[in-house]
Amino acid sequence: MTALVNRRTPERRVIPAAIIALLLAVVPSASAQEPSAAQRAFESGNYQQVIDAAAATSDPAVLFLGALSAQKLNAPDRVNAFLDQLIQRPPDDAWHFVGLSAKQLLASDHEAALASARNATMTNPNLPEASYMLGLVLIQRQEWVEAAAAFDHASMLNPSFAHAFYYAGLAHNRANRPDLMAARFERFLKLAPDAPERTEVQQVMRTIRGR
């Protein structure tokens, strides 16, 4: 036992403040890692994993992905539970309107969903999920050009947001811009190689390249 104990008082080493700042800059915090992990799980089709993560957090980005995942698994109670948590956020928080828009869209109230989505983008123009939600509403309204622009804006705000590229590709296709669709789909395949939509997208890309 004595060999493992240093009986001398250890010398204290002071880490320069500049090095501490550098370490904090390059090491993501736990809160920053959480949405990224949920996003990767969602993009890989691990929807139950995302739902479990959403049930254990108050992070709005994870709650939103949890709602999307629950919808994929046809679990409306979980969808509503996660969206209700977003709606409970204060009205000056864009996430409040994202959750409200999603619930209104599920209720097929497209006018109200559009208004709420626009409120989300105005409240926080830099929130990718606000533009993404706007795109989802516009797709349901078959406003393809505007939907493509919304998803493109979401992907610009978050270049790792694979499904923003996916839906942008779908919208550009319906807007008769196969060139833009191909570019968005190529980016989607690079970002989400294990996505459930991968086979569908690859088939579309083979068709385009075979023309």
N, C-alpha and C. Protein backbone atom coordinates (compact mmCIF):
# COMPACT_ATOMS: atom_id res chain seq x y z
N MET A 1 0.83 -1.20 0.00
CA MET A 1 0.00 0.00 0.00
C MET A 1 0.86 1.25 0.00
N THR A 2 1.97 1.24 0.78
CA THR A 2 2.78 2.45 0.91
C THR A 2 3.39 2.85 -0.42
N ALA A 3 3.62 1.90 -1.31
CA ALA A 3 4.22 2.23 -2.59
C ALA A 3 3.29 3.06 -3.46
N LEU A 4 2.00 2.97 -3.20
CA LEU A 4 1.05 3.71 -4.01
C LEU A 4 0.77 5.10 -3.46
N VAL A 5 1.33 5.42 -2.31
CA VAL A 5 1.03 6.70 -1.68
C VAL A 5 2.24 7.60 -1.78
N ASN A 6 2.05 8.78 -2.33
CA ASN A 6 3.11 9.78 -2.37
C ASN A 6 2.98 10.63 -1.12
N ARG A 7 3.91 10.44 -0.17
CA ARG A 7 3.79 11.14 1.10
C ARG A 7 4.19 12.60 0.99
N ARG A 8 4.84 12.99 -0.12
CA ARG A 8 5.19 14.39 -0.27
C ARG A 8 3.99 15.16 -0.82
N THR A 9 3.89 16.38 -0.41
CA THR A 9 2.82 17.23 -0.94
C THR A 9 3.07 17.47 -2.42
N PRO A 10 2.13 17.10 -3.30
CA PRO A 10 2.38 17.26 -4.73
C PRO A 10 2.45 18.73 -5.12
N GLU A 11 3.33 18.99 -6.08
CA GLU A 11 3.48 20.36 -6.56
C GLU A 11 2.28 20.74 -7.42
N ARG A 12 1.71 21.87 -7.12
CA ARG A 12 0.56 22.33 -7.88
C ARG A 12 1.02 22.98 -9.18
N ARG A 13 0.43 22.54 -10.28
CA ARG A 13 0.77 23.10 -11.57
C ARG A 13 -0.40 23.93 -12.08
N VAL A 14 -0.13 25.14 -12.39
CA VAL A 14 -1.16 26.06 -12.86
C VAL A 14 -1.26 25.96 -14.37
N ILE A 15 -2.47 25.63 -14.87
CA ILE A 15 -2.70 25.55 -16.30
C ILE A 15 -3.01 26.95 -16.81
N PRO A 16 -2.27 27.43 -17.79
CA PRO A 16 -2.52 28.78 -18.31
C PRO A 16 -3.95 28.94 -18.79
N ALA A 17 -4.50 30.13 -18.58
CA ALA A 17 -5.89 30.40 -18.96
C ALA A 17 -6.10 30.21 -20.45
N ALA A 18 -5.11 30.50 -21.24
CA ALA A 18 -5.25 30.37 -22.69
C ALA A 18 -5.45 28.92 -23.09
N ILE A 19 -4.76 28.00 -22.38
CA ILE A 19 -4.91 26.57 -22.69
C ILE A 19 -6.29 26.09 -22.27
N ILE A 20 -6.78 26.56 -21.13
CA ILE A 20 -8.12 26.19 -20.68
C ILE A 20 -9.16 26.64 -21.70
N ALA A 21 -9.00 27.86 -22.18
CA ALA A 21 -9.95 28.37 -23.17
C ALA A 21 -9.92 27.53 -24.43
N LEU A 22 -8.71 27.10 -24.83
CA LEU A 22 -8.58 26.27 -26.03
C LEU A 22 -9.27 24.93 -25.84
N LEU A 23 -9.08 24.33 -24.66
CA LEU A 23 -9.70 23.04 -24.39
C LEU A 23 -11.22 23.15 -24.40
N LEU A 24 -11.74 24.21 -23.82
CA LEU A 24 -13.19 24.39 -23.81
C LEU A 24 -13.74 24.62 -25.20
N ALA A 25 -12.92 25.20 -26.05
CA ALA A 25 -13.37 25.50 -27.41
C ALA A 25 -13.45 24.25 -28.27
N VAL A 26 -12.56 23.28 -28.03
CA VAL A 26 -12.51 22.12 -28.92
C VAL A 26 -13.24 20.91 -28.37
N VAL A 27 -13.57 20.91 -27.06
CA VAL A 27 -14.28 19.77 -26.47
C VAL A 27 -15.75 20.14 -26.32
N PRO A 28 -16.66 19.51 -27.04
CA PRO A 28 -18.07 19.86 -26.94
C PRO A 28 -18.62 19.55 -25.56
N SER A 29 -19.55 20.36 -25.10
CA SER A 29 -20.20 20.10 -23.83
C SER A 29 -21.18 18.96 -23.98
N ALA A 30 -21.61 18.40 -22.83
CA ALA A 30 -22.59 17.30 -22.87
C ALA A 30 -23.88 17.77 -23.53
N SER A 31 -24.29 19.02 -23.25
CA SER A 31 -25.53 19.52 -23.83
C SER A 31 -25.41 19.69 -25.33
N ALA A 32 -24.20 19.99 -25.82
CA ALA A 32 -24.00 20.13 -27.27
C ALA A 32 -23.98 18.77 -27.94
N GLN A 33 -23.46 17.76 -27.24
CA GLN A 33 -23.36 16.42 -27.82
C GLN A 33 -24.73 15.75 -27.92
N GLU A 34 -25.63 16.07 -26.97
CA GLU A 34 -26.91 15.37 -26.88
C GLU A 34 -27.74 15.49 -28.16
N PRO A 35 -28.00 16.72 -28.68
CA PRO A 35 -28.77 16.80 -29.92
C PRO A 35 -28.07 16.15 -31.11
N SER A 36 -26.74 16.25 -31.15
CA SER A 36 -26.00 15.64 -32.25
C SER A 36 -26.15 14.13 -32.25
N ALA A 37 -26.09 13.52 -31.07
CA ALA A 37 -26.26 12.07 -30.98
C ALA A 37 -27.67 11.66 -31.38
N ALA A 38 -28.66 12.44 -30.95
CA ALA A 38 -30.04 12.14 -31.31
C ALA A 38 -30.25 12.31 -32.81
N GLN A 39 -29.63 13.32 -33.39
CA GLN A 39 -29.75 13.53 -34.83
C GLN A 39 -29.16 12.36 -35.61
N ARG A 40 -27.99 11.89 -35.17
CA ARG A 40 -27.37 10.75 -35.86
C ARG A 40 -28.24 9.50 -35.73
N ALA A 41 -28.83 9.30 -34.56
CA ALA A 41 -29.70 8.13 -34.36
C ALA A 41 -30.94 8.24 -35.26
N PHE A 42 -31.50 9.43 -35.34
CA PHE A 42 -32.68 9.63 -36.19
C PHE A 42 -32.33 9.37 -37.65
N GLU A 43 -31.21 9.88 -38.09
CA GLU A 43 -30.80 9.71 -39.49
C GLU A 43 -30.50 8.25 -39.82
N SER A 44 -30.18 7.45 -38.82
CA SER A 44 -29.90 6.04 -39.04
C SER A 44 -31.15 5.17 -38.88
N GLY A 45 -32.27 5.79 -38.56
CA GLY A 45 -33.51 5.04 -38.39
C GLY A 45 -33.65 4.39 -37.03
N ASN A 46 -32.81 4.79 -36.07
CA ASN A 46 -32.91 4.24 -34.72
C ASN A 46 -33.91 5.08 -33.91
N TYR A 47 -35.16 4.98 -34.30
CA TYR A 47 -36.18 5.89 -33.76
C TYR A 47 -36.46 5.64 -32.28
N GLN A 48 -36.46 4.40 -31.85
CA GLN A 48 -36.72 4.13 -30.44
C GLN A 48 -35.61 4.72 -29.57
N GLN A 49 -34.39 4.69 -30.06
CA GLN A 49 -33.27 5.29 -29.32
C GLN A 49 -33.50 6.79 -29.14
N VAL A 50 -33.99 7.44 -30.18
CA VAL A 50 -34.27 8.88 -30.10
C VAL A 50 -35.40 9.15 -29.12
N ILE A 51 -36.43 8.33 -29.16
CA ILE A 51 -37.57 8.49 -28.24
C ILE A 51 -37.10 8.34 -26.80
N ASP A 52 -36.27 7.35 -26.54
CA ASP A 52 -35.75 7.14 -25.18
C ASP A 52 -34.93 8.34 -24.73
N ALA A 53 -34.12 8.91 -25.64
CA ALA A 53 -33.32 10.08 -25.30
C ALA A 53 -34.22 11.28 -25.02
N ALA A 54 -35.26 11.44 -25.82
CA ALA A 54 -36.18 12.57 -25.64
C ALA A 54 -36.94 12.46 -24.32
N ALA A 55 -37.24 11.25 -23.90
CA ALA A 55 -37.98 11.05 -22.65
C ALA A 55 -37.14 11.41 -21.43
N ALA A 56 -35.83 11.52 -21.62
CA ALA A 56 -34.94 11.77 -20.49
C ALA A 56 -34.30 13.15 -20.53
N THR A 57 -34.84 14.06 -21.35
CA THR A 57 -34.22 15.36 -21.48
C THR A 57 -35.27 16.44 -21.65
N SER A 58 -34.85 17.68 -21.49
CA SER A 58 -35.70 18.83 -21.80
C SER A 58 -35.14 19.61 -22.98
N ASP A 59 -34.10 19.08 -23.61
CA ASP A 59 -33.50 19.77 -24.75
C ASP A 59 -34.52 19.84 -25.89
N PRO A 60 -34.86 21.02 -26.36
CA PRO A 60 -35.93 21.12 -27.37
C PRO A 60 -35.59 20.44 -28.69
N ALA A 61 -34.32 20.47 -29.09
CA ALA A 61 -33.94 19.82 -30.34
C ALA A 61 -34.16 18.31 -30.26
N VAL A 62 -33.86 17.73 -29.11
CA VAL A 62 -34.05 16.29 -28.92
C VAL A 62 -35.54 15.97 -28.81
N LEU A 63 -36.30 16.83 -28.15
CA LEU A 63 -37.75 16.62 -28.05
C LEU A 63 -38.39 16.64 -29.44
N PHE A 64 -37.93 17.56 -30.29
CA PHE A 64 -38.47 17.64 -31.65
C PHE A 64 -38.15 16.37 -32.43
N LEU A 65 -36.91 15.90 -32.32
CA LEU A 65 -36.54 14.65 -32.98
C LEU A 65 -37.30 13.47 -32.39
N GLY A 66 -37.57 13.54 -31.08
CA GLY A 66 -38.36 12.49 -30.45
C GLY A 66 -39.77 12.44 -31.02
N ALA A 67 -40.36 13.61 -31.26
CA ALA A 67 -41.69 13.66 -31.85
C ALA A 67 -41.68 13.11 -33.27
N LEU A 68 -40.67 13.48 -34.05
CA LEU A 68 -40.55 12.95 -35.42
C LEU A 68 -40.37 11.44 -35.40
N SER A 69 -39.58 10.95 -34.45
CA SER A 69 -39.33 9.51 -34.36
C SER A 69 -40.59 8.76 -33.93
N ALA A 70 -41.32 9.33 -32.97
CA ALA A 70 -42.56 8.69 -32.53
C ALA A 70 -43.57 8.64 -33.66
N GLN A 71 -43.57 9.66 -34.50
CA GLN A 71 -44.46 9.64 -35.65
C GLN A 71 -44.07 8.52 -36.62
N LYS A 72 -42.77 8.31 -36.80
CA LYS A 72 -42.30 7.23 -37.66
C LYS A 72 -42.76 5.88 -37.14
N LEU A 73 -42.83 5.74 -35.81
CA LEU A 73 -43.23 4.48 -35.20
C LEU A 73 -44.73 4.43 -34.91
N ASN A 74 -45.46 5.41 -35.43
CA ASN A 74 -46.92 5.44 -35.27
C ASN A 74 -47.31 5.39 -33.79
N ALA A 75 -46.69 6.29 -33.01
CA ALA A 75 -46.98 6.38 -31.58
C ALA A 75 -47.49 7.78 -31.28
N PRO A 76 -48.77 8.07 -31.60
CA PRO A 76 -49.28 9.45 -31.49
C PRO A 76 -49.23 10.01 -30.07
N ASP A 77 -49.39 9.16 -29.07
CA ASP A 77 -49.35 9.66 -27.69
C ASP A 77 -47.98 10.24 -27.37
N ARG A 78 -46.92 9.56 -27.82
CA ARG A 78 -45.57 10.06 -27.58
C ARG A 78 -45.31 11.32 -28.40
N VAL A 79 -45.82 11.34 -29.62
CA VAL A 79 -45.67 12.54 -30.46
C VAL A 79 -46.24 13.75 -29.72
N ASN A 80 -47.47 13.63 -29.27
CA ASN A 80 -48.14 14.74 -28.60
C ASN A 80 -47.46 15.12 -27.29
N ALA A 81 -46.96 14.14 -26.58
CA ALA A 81 -46.28 14.43 -25.31
C ALA A 81 -45.03 15.27 -25.53
N PHE A 82 -44.24 14.92 -26.53
CA PHE A 82 -43.02 15.68 -26.81
C PHE A 82 -43.36 17.07 -27.34
N LEU A 83 -44.36 17.16 -28.22
CA LEU A 83 -44.74 18.46 -28.77
C LEU A 83 -45.33 19.35 -27.68
N ASP A 84 -46.07 18.77 -26.75
CA ASP A 84 -46.64 19.56 -25.65
C ASP A 84 -45.53 20.19 -24.81
N GLN A 85 -44.42 19.47 -24.64
CA GLN A 85 -43.30 20.05 -23.90
C GLN A 85 -42.72 21.25 -24.62
N LEU A 86 -42.69 21.19 -25.94
CA LEU A 86 -42.21 22.34 -26.70
C LEU A 86 -43.18 23.51 -26.58
N ILE A 87 -44.47 23.22 -26.67
CA ILE A 87 -45.48 24.27 -26.61
C ILE A 87 -45.47 24.97 -25.26
N GLN A 88 -45.07 24.25 -24.21
CA GLN A 88 -45.04 24.83 -22.87
C GLN A 88 -43.91 25.84 -22.70
N ARG A 89 -43.00 25.91 -23.65
CA ARG A 89 -41.94 26.91 -23.58
C ARG A 89 -42.56 28.29 -23.80
N PRO A 90 -41.91 29.36 -23.33
CA PRO A 90 -42.52 30.70 -23.43
C PRO A 90 -42.72 31.15 -24.87
N PRO A 91 -43.68 32.03 -25.12
CA PRO A 91 -44.01 32.46 -26.48
C PRO A 91 -42.90 33.25 -27.17
N ASP A 92 -41.90 33.71 -26.41
CA ASP A 92 -40.78 34.40 -27.05
C ASP A 92 -39.68 33.41 -27.45
N ASP A 93 -39.95 32.12 -27.31
CA ASP A 93 -39.03 31.05 -27.69
C ASP A 93 -39.56 30.43 -28.98
N ALA A 94 -38.73 30.41 -30.02
CA ALA A 94 -39.16 29.87 -31.32
C ALA A 94 -39.62 28.43 -31.21
N TRP A 95 -39.06 27.67 -30.27
CA TRP A 95 -39.45 26.27 -30.11
C TRP A 95 -40.93 26.14 -29.75
N HIS A 96 -41.47 27.13 -29.05
CA HIS A 96 -42.91 27.12 -28.74
C HIS A 96 -43.72 27.02 -30.03
N PHE A 97 -43.35 27.82 -31.01
CA PHE A 97 -44.09 27.85 -32.27
C PHE A 97 -43.78 26.63 -33.14
N VAL A 98 -42.58 26.09 -33.03
CA VAL A 98 -42.26 24.85 -33.76
C VAL A 98 -43.18 23.73 -33.29
N GLY A 99 -43.29 23.58 -31.96
CA GLY A 99 -44.17 22.54 -31.42
C GLY A 99 -45.63 22.77 -31.77
N LEU A 100 -46.04 24.04 -31.70
CA LEU A 100 -47.43 24.37 -32.02
C LEU A 100 -47.73 24.09 -33.49
N SER A 101 -46.81 24.47 -34.37
CA SER A 101 -47.00 24.23 -35.80
C SER A 101 -47.09 22.74 -36.09
N ALA A 102 -46.25 21.95 -35.43
CA ALA A 102 -46.26 20.50 -35.67
C ALA A 102 -47.61 19.90 -35.24
N LYS A 103 -48.14 20.33 -34.09
CA LYS A 103 -49.43 19.80 -33.64
C LYS A 103 -50.55 20.23 -34.58
N GLN A 104 -50.49 21.46 -35.04
CA GLN A 104 -51.52 21.94 -35.96
C GLN A 104 -51.44 21.22 -37.30
N LEU A 105 -50.24 20.90 -37.73
CA LEU A 105 -50.08 20.16 -38.98
C LEU A 105 -50.65 18.75 -38.84
N LEU A 106 -50.41 18.12 -37.70
CA LEU A 106 -50.95 16.79 -37.46
C LEU A 106 -52.48 16.81 -37.44
N ALA A 107 -53.04 17.94 -37.03
CA ALA A 107 -54.50 18.08 -37.00
C ALA A 107 -55.05 18.54 -38.35
N SER A 108 -54.16 18.62 -39.36
CA SER A 108 -54.54 19.05 -40.71
C SER A 108 -55.05 20.49 -40.76
N ASP A 109 -54.65 21.30 -39.78
CA ASP A 109 -54.98 22.72 -39.79
C ASP A 109 -53.79 23.45 -40.44
N HIS A 110 -53.75 23.41 -41.76
CA HIS A 110 -52.57 23.89 -42.47
C HIS A 110 -52.38 25.39 -42.36
N GLU A 111 -53.46 26.13 -42.32
CA GLU A 111 -53.35 27.59 -42.21
C GLU A 111 -52.71 27.98 -40.88
N ALA A 112 -53.21 27.39 -39.80
CA ALA A 112 -52.66 27.69 -38.48
C ALA A 112 -51.22 27.19 -38.38
N ALA A 113 -50.94 26.01 -38.95
CA ALA A 113 -49.58 25.47 -38.91
C ALA A 113 -48.61 26.37 -39.65
N LEU A 114 -49.06 26.93 -40.76
CA LEU A 114 -48.20 27.84 -41.53
C LEU A 114 -47.92 29.11 -40.74
N ALA A 115 -48.95 29.66 -40.12
CA ALA A 115 -48.76 30.88 -39.32
C ALA A 115 -47.80 30.63 -38.16
N SER A 116 -47.94 29.50 -37.49
CA SER A 116 -47.05 29.19 -36.36
C SER A 116 -45.62 28.97 -36.83
N ALA A 117 -45.46 28.28 -37.96
CA ALA A 117 -44.11 28.05 -38.49
C ALA A 117 -43.45 29.36 -38.87
N ARG A 118 -44.21 30.27 -39.47
CA ARG A 118 -43.65 31.57 -39.82
C ARG A 118 -43.29 32.36 -38.55
N ASN A 119 -44.11 32.24 -37.51
CA ASN A 119 -43.77 32.88 -36.24
C ASN A 119 -42.47 32.33 -35.68
N ALA A 120 -42.26 31.03 -35.83
CA ALA A 120 -41.01 30.42 -35.35
C ALA A 120 -39.80 31.00 -36.07
N THR A 121 -39.91 31.12 -37.40
CA THR A 121 -38.77 31.64 -38.17
C THR A 121 -38.53 33.11 -37.88
N MET A 122 -39.59 33.86 -37.58
CA MET A 122 -39.41 35.28 -37.25
C MET A 122 -38.85 35.45 -35.84
N THR A 123 -39.27 34.57 -34.93
CA THR A 123 -38.79 34.66 -33.55
C THR A 123 -37.31 34.35 -33.47
N ASN A 124 -36.89 33.34 -34.24
CA ASN A 124 -35.46 32.99 -34.27
C ASN A 124 -35.08 32.59 -35.69
N PRO A 125 -34.64 33.54 -36.50
CA PRO A 125 -34.29 33.24 -37.89
C PRO A 125 -33.11 32.28 -38.02
N ASN A 126 -32.36 32.08 -36.93
CA ASN A 126 -31.18 31.22 -36.98
C ASN A 126 -31.43 29.81 -36.47
N LEU A 127 -32.68 29.47 -36.22
CA LEU A 127 -33.00 28.13 -35.73
C LEU A 127 -33.32 27.23 -36.93
N PRO A 128 -32.47 26.24 -37.23
CA PRO A 128 -32.70 25.39 -38.41
C PRO A 128 -34.05 24.68 -38.37
N GLU A 129 -34.44 24.21 -37.18
CA GLU A 129 -35.69 23.45 -37.07
C GLU A 129 -36.91 24.31 -37.37
N ALA A 130 -36.81 25.62 -37.18
CA ALA A 130 -37.92 26.51 -37.51
C ALA A 130 -38.15 26.52 -39.02
N SER A 131 -37.07 26.66 -39.78
CA SER A 131 -37.20 26.62 -41.25
C SER A 131 -37.60 25.23 -41.72
N TYR A 132 -37.09 24.20 -41.05
CA TYR A 132 -37.45 22.82 -41.40
C TYR A 132 -38.94 22.60 -41.19
N MET A 133 -39.47 23.09 -40.07
CA MET A 133 -40.90 22.95 -39.80
C MET A 133 -41.72 23.70 -40.84
N LEU A 134 -41.25 24.88 -41.22
CA LEU A 134 -41.93 25.65 -42.26
C LEU A 134 -41.95 24.86 -43.56
N GLY A 135 -40.84 24.21 -43.88
CA GLY A 135 -40.79 23.40 -45.09
C GLY A 135 -41.78 22.24 -45.05
N LEU A 136 -41.92 21.60 -43.90
CA LEU A 136 -42.87 20.49 -43.78
C LEU A 136 -44.30 20.96 -44.02
N VAL A 137 -44.62 22.13 -43.50
CA VAL A 137 -45.97 22.67 -43.71
C VAL A 137 -46.18 23.00 -45.18
N LEU A 138 -45.19 23.62 -45.80
CA LEU A 138 -45.32 24.03 -47.20
C LEU A 138 -45.42 22.81 -48.14
N ILE A 139 -44.75 21.72 -47.77
CA ILE A 139 -44.88 20.49 -48.57
C ILE A 139 -46.33 19.99 -48.51
N GLN A 140 -46.92 20.02 -47.34
CA GLN A 140 -48.31 19.58 -47.21
C GLN A 140 -49.25 20.48 -48.02
N ARG A 141 -48.87 21.73 -48.16
CA ARG A 141 -49.66 22.67 -48.95
C ARG A 141 -49.30 22.62 -50.44
N GLN A 142 -48.33 21.75 -50.78
CA GLN A 142 -47.87 21.58 -52.15
C GLN A 142 -47.33 22.87 -52.74
N GLU A 143 -46.72 23.66 -51.90
CA GLU A 143 -46.05 24.88 -52.35
C GLU A 143 -44.56 24.55 -52.47
N TRP A 144 -44.22 23.92 -53.58
CA TRP A 144 -42.94 23.25 -53.72
C TRP A 144 -41.75 24.20 -53.72
N VAL A 145 -41.84 25.30 -54.45
CA VAL A 145 -40.72 26.24 -54.52
C VAL A 145 -40.41 26.83 -53.15
N GLU A 146 -41.45 27.24 -52.45
CA GLU A 146 -41.27 27.82 -51.12
C GLU A 146 -40.78 26.77 -50.13
N ALA A 147 -41.28 25.55 -50.27
CA ALA A 147 -40.82 24.47 -49.38
C ALA A 147 -39.33 24.20 -49.60
N ALA A 148 -38.92 24.13 -50.85
CA ALA A 148 -37.50 23.90 -51.16
C ALA A 148 -36.63 24.99 -50.56
N ALA A 149 -37.10 26.24 -50.66
CA ALA A 149 -36.33 27.36 -50.11
C ALA A 149 -36.21 27.24 -48.58
N ALA A 150 -37.29 26.81 -47.94
CA ALA A 150 -37.26 26.66 -46.48
C ALA A 150 -36.27 25.57 -46.06
N PHE A 151 -36.31 24.44 -46.75
CA PHE A 151 -35.38 23.36 -46.40
C PHE A 151 -33.94 23.74 -46.74
N ASP A 152 -33.75 24.45 -47.83
CA ASP A 152 -32.40 24.91 -48.17
C ASP A 152 -31.87 25.85 -47.09
N HIS A 153 -32.76 26.70 -46.56
CA HIS A 153 -32.33 27.61 -45.50
C HIS A 153 -31.98 26.83 -44.23
N ALA A 154 -32.77 25.80 -43.92
CA ALA A 154 -32.46 24.97 -42.75
C ALA A 154 -31.10 24.29 -42.90
N SER A 155 -30.81 23.80 -44.11
CA SER A 155 -29.53 23.12 -44.33
C SER A 155 -28.38 24.11 -44.34
N MET A 156 -28.64 25.35 -44.71
CA MET A 156 -27.60 26.37 -44.65
C MET A 156 -27.26 26.69 -43.19
N LEU A 157 -28.29 26.77 -42.35
CA LEU A 157 -28.07 27.05 -40.94
C LEU A 157 -27.40 25.89 -40.23
N ASN A 158 -27.70 24.66 -40.66
CA ASN A 158 -27.09 23.47 -40.08
C ASN A 158 -26.67 22.54 -41.20
N PRO A 159 -25.45 22.67 -41.71
CA PRO A 159 -25.01 21.86 -42.85
C PRO A 159 -24.95 20.37 -42.59
N SER A 160 -25.12 19.94 -41.33
CA SER A 160 -25.14 18.51 -41.03
C SER A 160 -26.56 17.97 -40.91
N PHE A 161 -27.54 18.79 -41.19
CA PHE A 161 -28.96 18.43 -41.05
C PHE A 161 -29.37 17.63 -42.30
N ALA A 162 -29.13 16.33 -42.26
CA ALA A 162 -29.28 15.49 -43.46
C ALA A 162 -30.70 15.53 -44.01
N HIS A 163 -31.69 15.46 -43.15
CA HIS A 163 -33.06 15.39 -43.66
C HIS A 163 -33.56 16.71 -44.21
N ALA A 164 -32.90 17.80 -43.89
CA ALA A 164 -33.22 19.06 -44.56
C ALA A 164 -32.83 18.95 -46.03
N PHE A 165 -31.69 18.31 -46.31
CA PHE A 165 -31.28 18.09 -47.70
C PHE A 165 -32.23 17.11 -48.39
N TYR A 166 -32.67 16.09 -47.66
CA TYR A 166 -33.58 15.10 -48.24
C TYR A 166 -34.89 15.75 -48.69
N TYR A 167 -35.50 16.49 -47.78
CA TYR A 167 -36.78 17.11 -48.13
C TYR A 167 -36.60 18.24 -49.14
N ALA A 168 -35.46 18.91 -49.10
CA ALA A 168 -35.19 19.91 -50.13
C ALA A 168 -35.14 19.24 -51.50
N GLY A 169 -34.52 18.06 -51.56
CA GLY A 169 -34.47 17.33 -52.82
C GLY A 169 -35.85 16.96 -53.32
N LEU A 170 -36.71 16.47 -52.42
CA LEU A 170 -38.07 16.13 -52.81
C LEU A 170 -38.82 17.35 -53.34
N ALA A 171 -38.67 18.47 -52.64
CA ALA A 171 -39.39 19.68 -53.04
C ALA A 171 -38.87 20.22 -54.37
N HIS A 172 -37.54 20.20 -54.55
CA HIS A 172 -36.97 20.67 -55.82
C HIS A 172 -37.43 19.79 -56.98
N ASN A 173 -37.58 18.50 -56.72
CA ASN A 173 -38.07 17.59 -57.75
C ASN A 173 -39.48 17.98 -58.19
N ARG A 174 -40.35 18.23 -57.22
CA ARG A 174 -41.72 18.60 -57.54
C ARG A 174 -41.79 20.00 -58.16
N ALA A 175 -40.77 20.80 -57.94
CA ALA A 175 -40.70 22.13 -58.54
C ALA A 175 -40.02 22.10 -59.91
N ASN A 176 -39.82 20.87 -60.43
CA ASN A 176 -39.21 20.68 -61.76
C ASN A 176 -37.78 21.20 -61.84
N ARG A 177 -37.03 20.97 -60.75
CA ARG A 177 -35.60 21.30 -60.75
C ARG A 177 -34.81 20.05 -60.39
N PRO A 178 -34.75 19.08 -61.32
CA PRO A 178 -34.02 17.84 -61.03
C PRO A 178 -32.54 18.06 -60.76
N ASP A 179 -31.97 19.12 -61.31
CA ASP A 179 -30.57 19.42 -61.04
C ASP A 179 -30.34 19.74 -59.57
N LEU A 180 -31.23 20.56 -59.02
CA LEU A 180 -31.11 20.91 -57.60
C LEU A 180 -31.47 19.72 -56.72
N MET A 181 -32.44 18.93 -57.16
CA MET A 181 -32.78 17.72 -56.42
C MET A 181 -31.56 16.81 -56.30
N ALA A 182 -30.87 16.59 -57.41
CA ALA A 182 -29.70 15.70 -57.41
C ALA A 182 -28.63 16.19 -56.46
N ALA A 183 -28.38 17.50 -56.46
CA ALA A 183 -27.36 18.06 -55.58
C ALA A 183 -27.73 17.85 -54.12
N ARG A 184 -29.01 18.04 -53.79
CA ARG A 184 -29.44 17.87 -52.39
C ARG A 184 -29.40 16.40 -51.99
N PHE A 185 -29.81 15.52 -52.90
CA PHE A 185 -29.80 14.09 -52.58
C PHE A 185 -28.37 13.57 -52.41
N GLU A 186 -27.45 14.06 -53.22
CA GLU A 186 -26.05 13.63 -53.07
C GLU A 186 -25.52 14.00 -51.69
N ARG A 187 -25.87 15.21 -51.25
CA ARG A 187 -25.42 15.65 -49.92
C ARG A 187 -26.08 14.80 -48.84
N PHE A 188 -27.34 14.48 -49.02
CA PHE A 188 -28.06 13.65 -48.04
C PHE A 188 -27.38 12.29 -47.90
N LEU A 189 -27.03 11.66 -49.03
CA LEU A 189 -26.41 10.34 -48.98
C LEU A 189 -25.06 10.38 -48.28
N LYS A 190 -24.33 11.47 -48.42
CA LYS A 190 -23.03 11.59 -47.75
C LYS A 190 -23.22 11.77 -46.25
N LEU A 191 -24.23 12.54 -45.87
CA LEU A 191 -24.44 12.83 -44.45
C LEU A 191 -25.11 11.68 -43.70
N ALA A 192 -25.97 10.94 -44.38
CA ALA A 192 -26.75 9.89 -43.72
C ALA A 192 -26.66 8.58 -44.49
N PRO A 193 -25.49 7.95 -44.50
CA PRO A 193 -25.31 6.72 -45.29
C PRO A 193 -26.17 5.55 -44.83
N ASP A 194 -26.67 5.60 -43.59
CA ASP A 194 -27.48 4.50 -43.06
C ASP A 194 -28.96 4.86 -42.97
N ALA A 195 -29.37 5.95 -43.59
CA ALA A 195 -30.76 6.40 -43.48
C ALA A 195 -31.72 5.41 -44.13
N PRO A 196 -32.90 5.23 -43.55
CA PRO A 196 -33.90 4.33 -44.16
C PRO A 196 -34.29 4.77 -45.57
N GLU A 197 -34.17 6.06 -45.86
CA GLU A 197 -34.53 6.59 -47.18
C GLU A 197 -33.44 6.39 -48.22
N ARG A 198 -32.31 5.81 -47.82
CA ARG A 198 -31.16 5.72 -48.71
C ARG A 198 -31.49 4.97 -50.01
N THR A 199 -32.14 3.82 -49.91
CA THR A 199 -32.44 3.03 -51.11
C THR A 199 -33.31 3.81 -52.07
N GLU A 200 -34.32 4.47 -51.54
CA GLU A 200 -35.22 5.29 -52.37
C GLU A 200 -34.44 6.37 -53.11
N VAL A 201 -33.57 7.06 -52.38
CA VAL A 201 -32.80 8.15 -52.97
C VAL A 201 -31.82 7.61 -54.02
N GLN A 202 -31.19 6.49 -53.74
CA GLN A 202 -30.25 5.91 -54.69
C GLN A 202 -30.95 5.52 -55.99
N GLN A 203 -32.16 5.00 -55.88
CA GLN A 203 -32.91 4.63 -57.08
C GLN A 203 -33.22 5.86 -57.92
N VAL A 204 -33.59 6.94 -57.27
CA VAL A 204 -33.87 8.18 -58.00
C VAL A 204 -32.60 8.68 -58.67
N MET A 205 -31.48 8.63 -57.95
CA MET A 205 -30.21 9.12 -58.51
C MET A 205 -29.78 8.27 -59.69
N ARG A 206 -29.99 6.93 -59.64
CA ARG A 206 -29.62 6.08 -60.77
C ARG A 206 -30.47 6.42 -61.99
N THR A 207 -31.75 6.72 -61.75
CA THR A 207 -32.64 7.09 -62.85
C THR A 207 -32.15 8.38 -63.52
N ILE A 208 -31.76 9.34 -62.71
CA ILE A 208 -31.29 10.61 -63.27
C ILE A 208 -30.00 10.43 -64.04
N ARG A 209 -29.08 9.68 -63.48
CA ARG A 209 -27.79 9.49 -64.14
C ARG A 209 -27.91 8.65 -65.40
N GLY A 210 -29.00 7.85 -65.51
CA GLY A 210 -29.19 7.00 -66.68
C GLY A 210 -29.83 7.72 -67.84
N ARG A 211 -30.24 8.98 -67.61
CA ARG A 211 -30.91 9.71 -68.68
C ARG A 211 -29.89 10.13 -69.76
